[in-house]
Amino acid sequence: MLFSRRGKLKKEFDERLISQFFDAKQELQTAKKMEEMSDDYDLYIIAKRKVAESKHLFLLKEARLRDVKIK
């Protein structure tokens, strides 16, 4: 009885991970564009890009660890 919900929960959390991954990817692309468009050296923009890049890489590693497949 306890293990019958396991597949349903895994699917739900895998879908949530995929949506967070795509959100982080979009955030990273936006941060990279902002850094390219900036004409001066702004530490806030650079820090924002690095945070977005770290989130993206973490979610990528987690997806690989869980063996998540995108359909």
PDB file of N, CA and C in Angstrom:
ATOM      1  N   MET A   1       0.805  -1.196   0.000  1.00  0.00           N
ATOM      2  CA  MET A   1       0.000   0.000   0.000  1.00  0.00           C
ATOM      3  C   MET A   1       0.851   1.264   0.000  1.00  0.00           C
ATOM      4  N   LEU A   2       1.918   1.226   0.755  1.00  0.00           N
ATOM      5  CA  LEU A   2       2.787   2.384   0.846  1.00  0.00           C
ATOM      6  C   LEU A   2       3.522   2.634  -0.467  1.00  0.00           C
ATOM      7  N   PHE A   3       3.894   1.566  -1.158  1.00  0.00           N
ATOM      8  CA  PHE A   3       4.681   1.713  -2.371  1.00  0.00           C
ATOM      9  C   PHE A   3       3.831   1.973  -3.609  1.00  0.00           C
ATOM     10  N   SER A   4       2.531   1.923  -3.493  1.00  0.00           N
ATOM     11  CA  SER A   4       1.682   2.153  -4.658  1.00  0.00           C
ATOM     12  C   SER A   4       1.696   3.615  -5.094  1.00  0.00           C
ATOM     13  N   ARG A   5       1.971   4.523  -4.168  1.00  0.00           N
ATOM     14  CA  ARG A   5       2.001   5.955  -4.496  1.00  0.00           C
ATOM     15  C   ARG A   5       3.366   6.405  -4.993  1.00  0.00           C
ATOM     16  N   ARG A   6       4.361   5.531  -4.896  1.00  0.00           N
ATOM     17  CA  ARG A   6       5.728   5.913  -5.232  1.00  0.00           C
ATOM     18  C   ARG A   6       5.856   6.386  -6.677  1.00  0.00           C
ATOM     19  N   GLY A   7       5.283   5.651  -7.617  1.00  0.00           N
ATOM     20  CA  GLY A   7       5.373   6.020  -9.031  1.00  0.00           C
ATOM     21  C   GLY A   7       4.682   7.330  -9.325  1.00  0.00           C
ATOM     22  N   LYS A   8       3.544   7.548  -8.694  1.00  0.00           N
ATOM     23  CA  LYS A   8       2.792   8.782  -8.902  1.00  0.00           C
ATOM     24  C   LYS A   8       3.559   9.981  -8.347  1.00  0.00           C
ATOM     25  N   LEU A   9       4.160   9.809  -7.165  1.00  0.00           N
ATOM     26  CA  LEU A   9       4.932  10.900  -6.567  1.00  0.00           C
ATOM     27  C   LEU A   9       6.183  11.202  -7.376  1.00  0.00           C
ATOM     28  N   LYS A  10       6.856  10.157  -7.854  1.00  0.00           N
ATOM     29  CA  LYS A  10       8.062  10.374  -8.659  1.00  0.00           C
ATOM     30  C   LYS A  10       7.726  11.152  -9.923  1.00  0.00           C
ATOM     31  N   LYS A  11       6.646  10.786 -10.573  1.00  0.00           N
ATOM     32  CA  LYS A  11       6.238  11.467 -11.799  1.00  0.00           C
ATOM     33  C   LYS A  11       5.915  12.934 -11.516  1.00  0.00           C
ATOM     34  N   GLU A  12       5.212  13.183 -10.411  1.00  0.00           N
ATOM     35  CA  GLU A  12       4.846  14.555 -10.050  1.00  0.00           C
ATOM     36  C   GLU A  12       6.085  15.406  -9.778  1.00  0.00           C
ATOM     37  N   PHE A  13       7.026  14.867  -9.003  1.00  0.00           N
ATOM     38  CA  PHE A  13       8.220  15.639  -8.680  1.00  0.00           C
ATOM     39  C   PHE A  13       9.175  15.752  -9.862  1.00  0.00           C
ATOM     40  N   ASP A  14       9.182  14.776 -10.753  1.00  0.00           N
ATOM     41  CA  ASP A  14       9.987  14.890 -11.966  1.00  0.00           C
ATOM     42  C   ASP A  14       9.447  16.004 -12.868  1.00  0.00           C
ATOM     43  N   GLU A  15       8.122  16.088 -12.973  1.00  0.00           N
ATOM     44  CA  GLU A  15       7.524  17.176 -13.759  1.00  0.00           C
ATOM     45  C   GLU A  15       7.845  18.538 -13.150  1.00  0.00           C
ATOM     46  N   ARG A  16       7.814  18.611 -11.832  1.00  0.00           N
ATOM     47  CA  ARG A  16       8.149  19.861 -11.151  1.00  0.00           C
ATOM     48  C   ARG A  16       9.613  20.231 -11.385  1.00  0.00           C
ATOM     49  N   LEU A  17      10.498  19.227 -11.361  1.00  0.00           N
ATOM     50  CA  LEU A  17      11.919  19.459 -11.614  1.00  0.00           C
ATOM     51  C   LEU A  17      12.143  19.957 -13.036  1.00  0.00           C
ATOM     52  N   ILE A  18      11.444  19.376 -13.987  1.00  0.00           N
ATOM     53  CA  ILE A  18      11.582  19.793 -15.387  1.00  0.00           C
ATOM     54  C   ILE A  18      11.127  21.236 -15.569  1.00  0.00           C
ATOM     55  N   SER A  19      10.014  21.596 -14.948  1.00  0.00           N
ATOM     56  CA  SER A  19       9.530  22.981 -15.088  1.00  0.00           C
ATOM     57  C   SER A  19      10.500  23.959 -14.428  1.00  0.00           C
ATOM     58  N   GLN A  20      11.065  23.589 -13.271  1.00  0.00           N
ATOM     59  CA  GLN A  20      12.051  24.455 -12.627  1.00  0.00           C
ATOM     60  C   GLN A  20      13.309  24.564 -13.474  1.00  0.00           C
ATOM     61  N   PHE A  21      13.690  23.475 -14.138  1.00  0.00           N
ATOM     62  CA  PHE A  21      14.868  23.483 -14.996  1.00  0.00           C
ATOM     63  C   PHE A  21      14.693  24.457 -16.157  1.00  0.00           C
ATOM     64  N   PHE A  22      13.522  24.416 -16.806  1.00  0.00           N
ATOM     65  CA  PHE A  22      13.285  25.317 -17.930  1.00  0.00           C
ATOM     66  C   PHE A  22      13.180  26.775 -17.463  1.00  0.00           C
ATOM     67  N   ASP A  23      12.620  27.005 -16.284  1.00  0.00           N
ATOM     68  CA  ASP A  23      12.572  28.369 -15.735  1.00  0.00           C
ATOM     69  C   ASP A  23      13.981  28.890 -15.453  1.00  0.00           C
ATOM     70  N   ALA A  24      14.824  28.035 -14.890  1.00  0.00           N
ATOM     71  CA  ALA A  24      16.208  28.430 -14.602  1.00  0.00           C
ATOM     72  C   ALA A  24      16.984  28.678 -15.892  1.00  0.00           C
ATOM     73  N   LYS A  25      16.707  27.887 -16.916  1.00  0.00           N
ATOM     74  CA  LYS A  25      17.370  28.078 -18.209  1.00  0.00           C
ATOM     75  C   LYS A  25      16.995  29.430 -18.813  1.00  0.00           C
ATOM     76  N   GLN A  26      15.705  29.763 -18.741  1.00  0.00           N
ATOM     77  CA  GLN A  26      15.240  31.058 -19.243  1.00  0.00           C
ATOM     78  C   GLN A  26      15.859  32.206 -18.450  1.00  0.00           C
ATOM     79  N   GLU A  27      15.935  32.043 -17.142  1.00  0.00           N
ATOM     80  CA  GLU A  27      16.536  33.068 -16.287  1.00  0.00           C
ATOM     81  C   GLU A  27      18.015  33.255 -16.624  1.00  0.00           C
ATOM     82  N   LEU A  28      18.715  32.158 -16.896  1.00  0.00           N
ATOM     83  CA  LEU A  28      20.130  32.235 -17.259  1.00  0.00           C
ATOM     84  C   LEU A  28      20.311  32.955 -18.594  1.00  0.00           C
ATOM     85  N   GLN A  29      19.480  32.645 -19.568  1.00  0.00           N
ATOM     86  CA  GLN A  29      19.581  33.317 -20.861  1.00  0.00           C
ATOM     87  C   GLN A  29      19.305  34.809 -20.732  1.00  0.00           C
ATOM     88  N   THR A  30      18.335  35.166 -19.915  1.00  0.00           N
ATOM     89  CA  THR A  30      18.030  36.582 -19.689  1.00  0.00           C
ATOM     90  C   THR A  30      19.201  37.286 -19.017  1.00  0.00           C
ATOM     91  N   ALA A  31      19.804  36.639 -18.036  1.00  0.00           N
ATOM     92  CA  ALA A  31      20.938  37.236 -17.329  1.00  0.00           C
ATOM     93  C   ALA A  31      22.138  37.407 -18.266  1.00  0.00           C
ATOM     94  N   LYS A  32      22.353  36.442 -19.146  1.00  0.00           N
ATOM     95  CA  LYS A  32      23.455  36.557 -20.106  1.00  0.00           C
ATOM     96  C   LYS A  32      23.220  37.709 -21.076  1.00  0.00           C
ATOM     97  N   LYS A  33      21.976  37.871 -21.541  1.00  0.00           N
ATOM     98  CA  LYS A  33      21.664  38.986 -22.434  1.00  0.00           C
ATOM     99  C   LYS A  33      21.855  40.321 -21.731  1.00  0.00           C
ATOM    100  N   MET A  34      21.446  40.394 -20.477  1.00  0.00           N
ATOM    101  CA  MET A  34      21.618  41.634 -19.715  1.00  0.00           C
ATOM    102  C   MET A  34      23.098  41.973 -19.557  1.00  0.00           C
ATOM    103  N   GLU A  35      23.909  40.952 -19.333  1.00  0.00           N
ATOM    104  CA  GLU A  35      25.342  41.190 -19.181  1.00  0.00           C
ATOM    105  C   GLU A  35      25.962  41.642 -20.500  1.00  0.00           C
ATOM    106  N   GLU A  36      25.507  41.074 -21.607  1.00  0.00           N
ATOM    107  CA  GLU A  36      26.021  41.481 -22.914  1.00  0.00           C
ATOM    108  C   GLU A  36      25.607  42.910 -23.255  1.00  0.00           C
ATOM    109  N   MET A  37      24.392  43.286 -22.886  1.00  0.00           N
ATOM    110  CA  MET A  37      23.887  44.612 -23.217  1.00  0.00           C
ATOM    111  C   MET A  37      24.461  45.705 -22.310  1.00  0.00           C
ATOM    112  N   SER A  38      24.988  45.307 -21.163  1.00  0.00           N
ATOM    113  CA  SER A  38      25.551  46.281 -20.239  1.00  0.00           C
ATOM    114  C   SER A  38      26.845  46.846 -20.815  1.00  0.00           C
ATOM    115  N   ASP A  39      26.965  48.152 -20.789  1.00  0.00           N
ATOM    116  CA  ASP A  39      28.163  48.770 -21.351  1.00  0.00           C
ATOM    117  C   ASP A  39      29.247  49.019 -20.305  1.00  0.00           C
ATOM    118  N   ASP A  40      28.908  48.958 -19.032  1.00  0.00           N
ATOM    119  CA  ASP A  40      29.922  49.119 -17.994  1.00  0.00           C
ATOM    120  C   ASP A  40      29.993  47.861 -17.138  1.00  0.00           C
ATOM    121  N   TYR A  41      30.937  47.828 -16.248  1.00  0.00           N
ATOM    122  CA  TYR A  41      31.185  46.671 -15.396  1.00  0.00           C
ATOM    123  C   TYR A  41      30.288  46.780 -14.167  1.00  0.00           C
ATOM    124  N   ASP A  42      29.191  46.025 -14.169  1.00  0.00           N
ATOM    125  CA  ASP A  42      28.234  46.078 -13.070  1.00  0.00           C
ATOM    126  C   ASP A  42      28.282  44.757 -12.300  1.00  0.00           C
ATOM    127  N   LEU A  43      28.665  44.826 -11.031  1.00  0.00           N
ATOM    128  CA  LEU A  43      28.795  43.624 -10.227  1.00  0.00           C
ATOM    129  C   LEU A  43      27.453  42.944  -9.976  1.00  0.00           C
ATOM    130  N   TYR A  44      26.378  43.717  -9.897  1.00  0.00           N
ATOM    131  CA  TYR A  44      25.061  43.150  -9.638  1.00  0.00           C
ATOM    132  C   TYR A  44      24.623  42.246 -10.794  1.00  0.00           C
ATOM    133  N   ILE A  45      24.852  42.687 -12.005  1.00  0.00           N
ATOM    134  CA  ILE A  45      24.468  41.895 -13.180  1.00  0.00           C
ATOM    135  C   ILE A  45      25.316  40.635 -13.268  1.00  0.00           C
ATOM    136  N   ILE A  46      26.598  40.756 -12.976  1.00  0.00           N
ATOM    137  CA  ILE A  46      27.480  39.594 -13.009  1.00  0.00           C
ATOM    138  C   ILE A  46      27.093  38.584 -11.937  1.00  0.00           C
ATOM    139  N   ALA A  47      26.789  39.069 -10.739  1.00  0.00           N
ATOM    140  CA  ALA A  47      26.372  38.183  -9.651  1.00  0.00           C
ATOM    141  C   ALA A  47      25.050  37.497  -9.982  1.00  0.00           C
ATOM    142  N   LYS A  48      24.139  38.231 -10.604  1.00  0.00           N
ATOM    143  CA  LYS A  48      22.850  37.650 -10.990  1.00  0.00           C
ATOM    144  C   LYS A  48      23.044  36.541 -12.016  1.00  0.00           C
ATOM    145  N   ARG A  49      23.953  36.747 -12.963  1.00  0.00           N
ATOM    146  CA  ARG A  49      24.237  35.711 -13.960  1.00  0.00           C
ATOM    147  C   ARG A  49      24.848  34.474 -13.309  1.00  0.00           C
ATOM    148  N   LYS A  50      25.762  34.673 -12.376  1.00  0.00           N
ATOM    149  CA  LYS A  50      26.410  33.544 -11.720  1.00  0.00           C
ATOM    150  C   LYS A  50      25.427  32.746 -10.866  1.00  0.00           C
ATOM    151  N   VAL A  51      24.511  33.429 -10.202  1.00  0.00           N
ATOM    152  CA  VAL A  51      23.489  32.738  -9.415  1.00  0.00           C
ATOM    153  C   VAL A  51      22.578  31.933 -10.336  1.00  0.00           C
ATOM    154  N   ALA A  52      22.177  32.532 -11.444  1.00  0.00           N
ATOM    155  CA  ALA A  52      21.319  31.831 -12.408  1.00  0.00           C
ATOM    156  C   ALA A  52      22.045  30.625 -12.995  1.00  0.00           C
ATOM    157  N   GLU A  53      23.328  30.776 -13.274  1.00  0.00           N
ATOM    158  CA  GLU A  53      24.116  29.675 -13.811  1.00  0.00           C
ATOM    159  C   GLU A  53      24.250  28.548 -12.791  1.00  0.00           C
ATOM    160  N   SER A  54      24.436  28.891 -11.530  1.00  0.00           N
ATOM    161  CA  SER A  54      24.541  27.879 -10.479  1.00  0.00           C
ATOM    162  C   SER A  54      23.234  27.109 -10.318  1.00  0.00           C
ATOM    163  N   LYS A  55      22.105  27.821 -10.344  1.00  0.00           N
ATOM    164  CA  LYS A  55      20.798  27.156 -10.246  1.00  0.00           C
ATOM    165  C   LYS A  55      20.601  26.196 -11.410  1.00  0.00           C
ATOM    166  N   HIS A  56      20.933  26.660 -12.608  1.00  0.00           N
ATOM    167  CA  HIS A  56      20.760  25.846 -13.814  1.00  0.00           C
ATOM    168  C   HIS A  56      21.606  24.572 -13.734  1.00  0.00           C
ATOM    169  N   LEU A  57      22.858  24.709 -13.339  1.00  0.00           N
ATOM    170  CA  LEU A  57      23.742  23.548 -13.260  1.00  0.00           C
ATOM    171  C   LEU A  57      23.303  22.580 -12.168  1.00  0.00           C
ATOM    172  N   PHE A  58      22.826  23.107 -11.037  1.00  0.00           N
ATOM    173  CA  PHE A  58      22.351  22.250  -9.969  1.00  0.00           C
ATOM    174  C   PHE A  58      21.149  21.427 -10.431  1.00  0.00           C
ATOM    175  N   LEU A  59      20.195  22.078 -11.086  1.00  0.00           N
ATOM    176  CA  LEU A  59      19.013  21.365 -11.558  1.00  0.00           C
ATOM    177  C   LEU A  59      19.367  20.356 -12.648  1.00  0.00           C
ATOM    178  N   LEU A  60      20.352  20.679 -13.477  1.00  0.00           N
ATOM    179  CA  LEU A  60      20.808  19.742 -14.501  1.00  0.00           C
ATOM    180  C   LEU A  60      21.414  18.496 -13.856  1.00  0.00           C
ATOM    181  N   LYS A  61      22.253  18.694 -12.845  1.00  0.00           N
ATOM    182  CA  LYS A  61      22.860  17.557 -12.151  1.00  0.00           C
ATOM    183  C   LYS A  61      21.803  16.717 -11.441  1.00  0.00           C
ATOM    184  N   GLU A  62      20.827  17.368 -10.839  1.00  0.00           N
ATOM    185  CA  GLU A  62      19.756  16.652 -10.148  1.00  0.00           C
ATOM    186  C   GLU A  62      18.925  15.838 -11.136  1.00  0.00           C
ATOM    187  N   ALA A  63      18.665  16.398 -12.309  1.00  0.00           N
ATOM    188  CA  ALA A  63      17.908  15.669 -13.328  1.00  0.00           C
ATOM    189  C   ALA A  63      18.693  14.452 -13.819  1.00  0.00           C
ATOM    190  N   ARG A  64      19.981  14.591 -13.974  1.00  0.00           N
ATOM    191  CA  ARG A  64      20.804  13.453 -14.389  1.00  0.00           C
ATOM    192  C   ARG A  64      20.847  12.388 -13.295  1.00  0.00           C
ATOM    193  N   LEU A  65      20.934  12.822 -12.051  1.00  0.00           N
ATOM    194  CA  LEU A  65      20.982  11.893 -10.932  1.00  0.00           C
ATOM    195  C   LEU A  65      19.689  11.103 -10.828  1.00  0.00           C
ATOM    196  N   ARG A  66      18.559  11.762 -11.043  1.00  0.00           N
ATOM    197  CA  ARG A  66      17.249  11.107 -10.965  1.00  0.00           C
ATOM    198  C   ARG A  66      16.900  10.351 -12.239  1.00  0.00           C
ATOM    199  N   ASP A  67      17.690  10.523 -13.277  1.00  0.00           N
ATOM    200  CA  ASP A  67      17.454   9.905 -14.589  1.00  0.00           C
ATOM    201  C   ASP A  67      16.102  10.328 -15.149  1.00  0.00           C
ATOM    202  N   VAL A  68      15.900  11.654 -15.220  1.00  0.00           N
ATOM    203  CA  VAL A  68      14.655  12.235 -15.721  1.00  0.00           C
ATOM    204  C   VAL A  68      14.750  12.358 -17.240  1.00  0.00           C
ATOM    205  N   LYS A  69      13.709  11.937 -17.910  1.00  0.00           N
ATOM    206  CA  LYS A  69      13.647  12.027 -19.367  1.00  0.00           C
ATOM    207  C   LYS A  69      12.603  13.070 -19.748  1.00  0.00           C
ATOM    208  N   ILE A  70      12.954  13.970 -20.667  1.00  0.00           N
ATOM    209  CA  ILE A  70      12.027  14.986 -21.156  1.00  0.00           C
ATOM    210  C   ILE A  70      11.370  14.439 -22.410  1.00  0.00           C
ATOM    211  N   LYS A  71      10.057  14.484 -22.426  1.00  0.00           N
ATOM    212  CA  LYS A  71       9.310  13.920 -23.556  1.00  0.00           C
ATOM    213  C   LYS A  71       9.077  14.955 -24.610  1.00  0.00           C
TER     214      LYS A  71
END
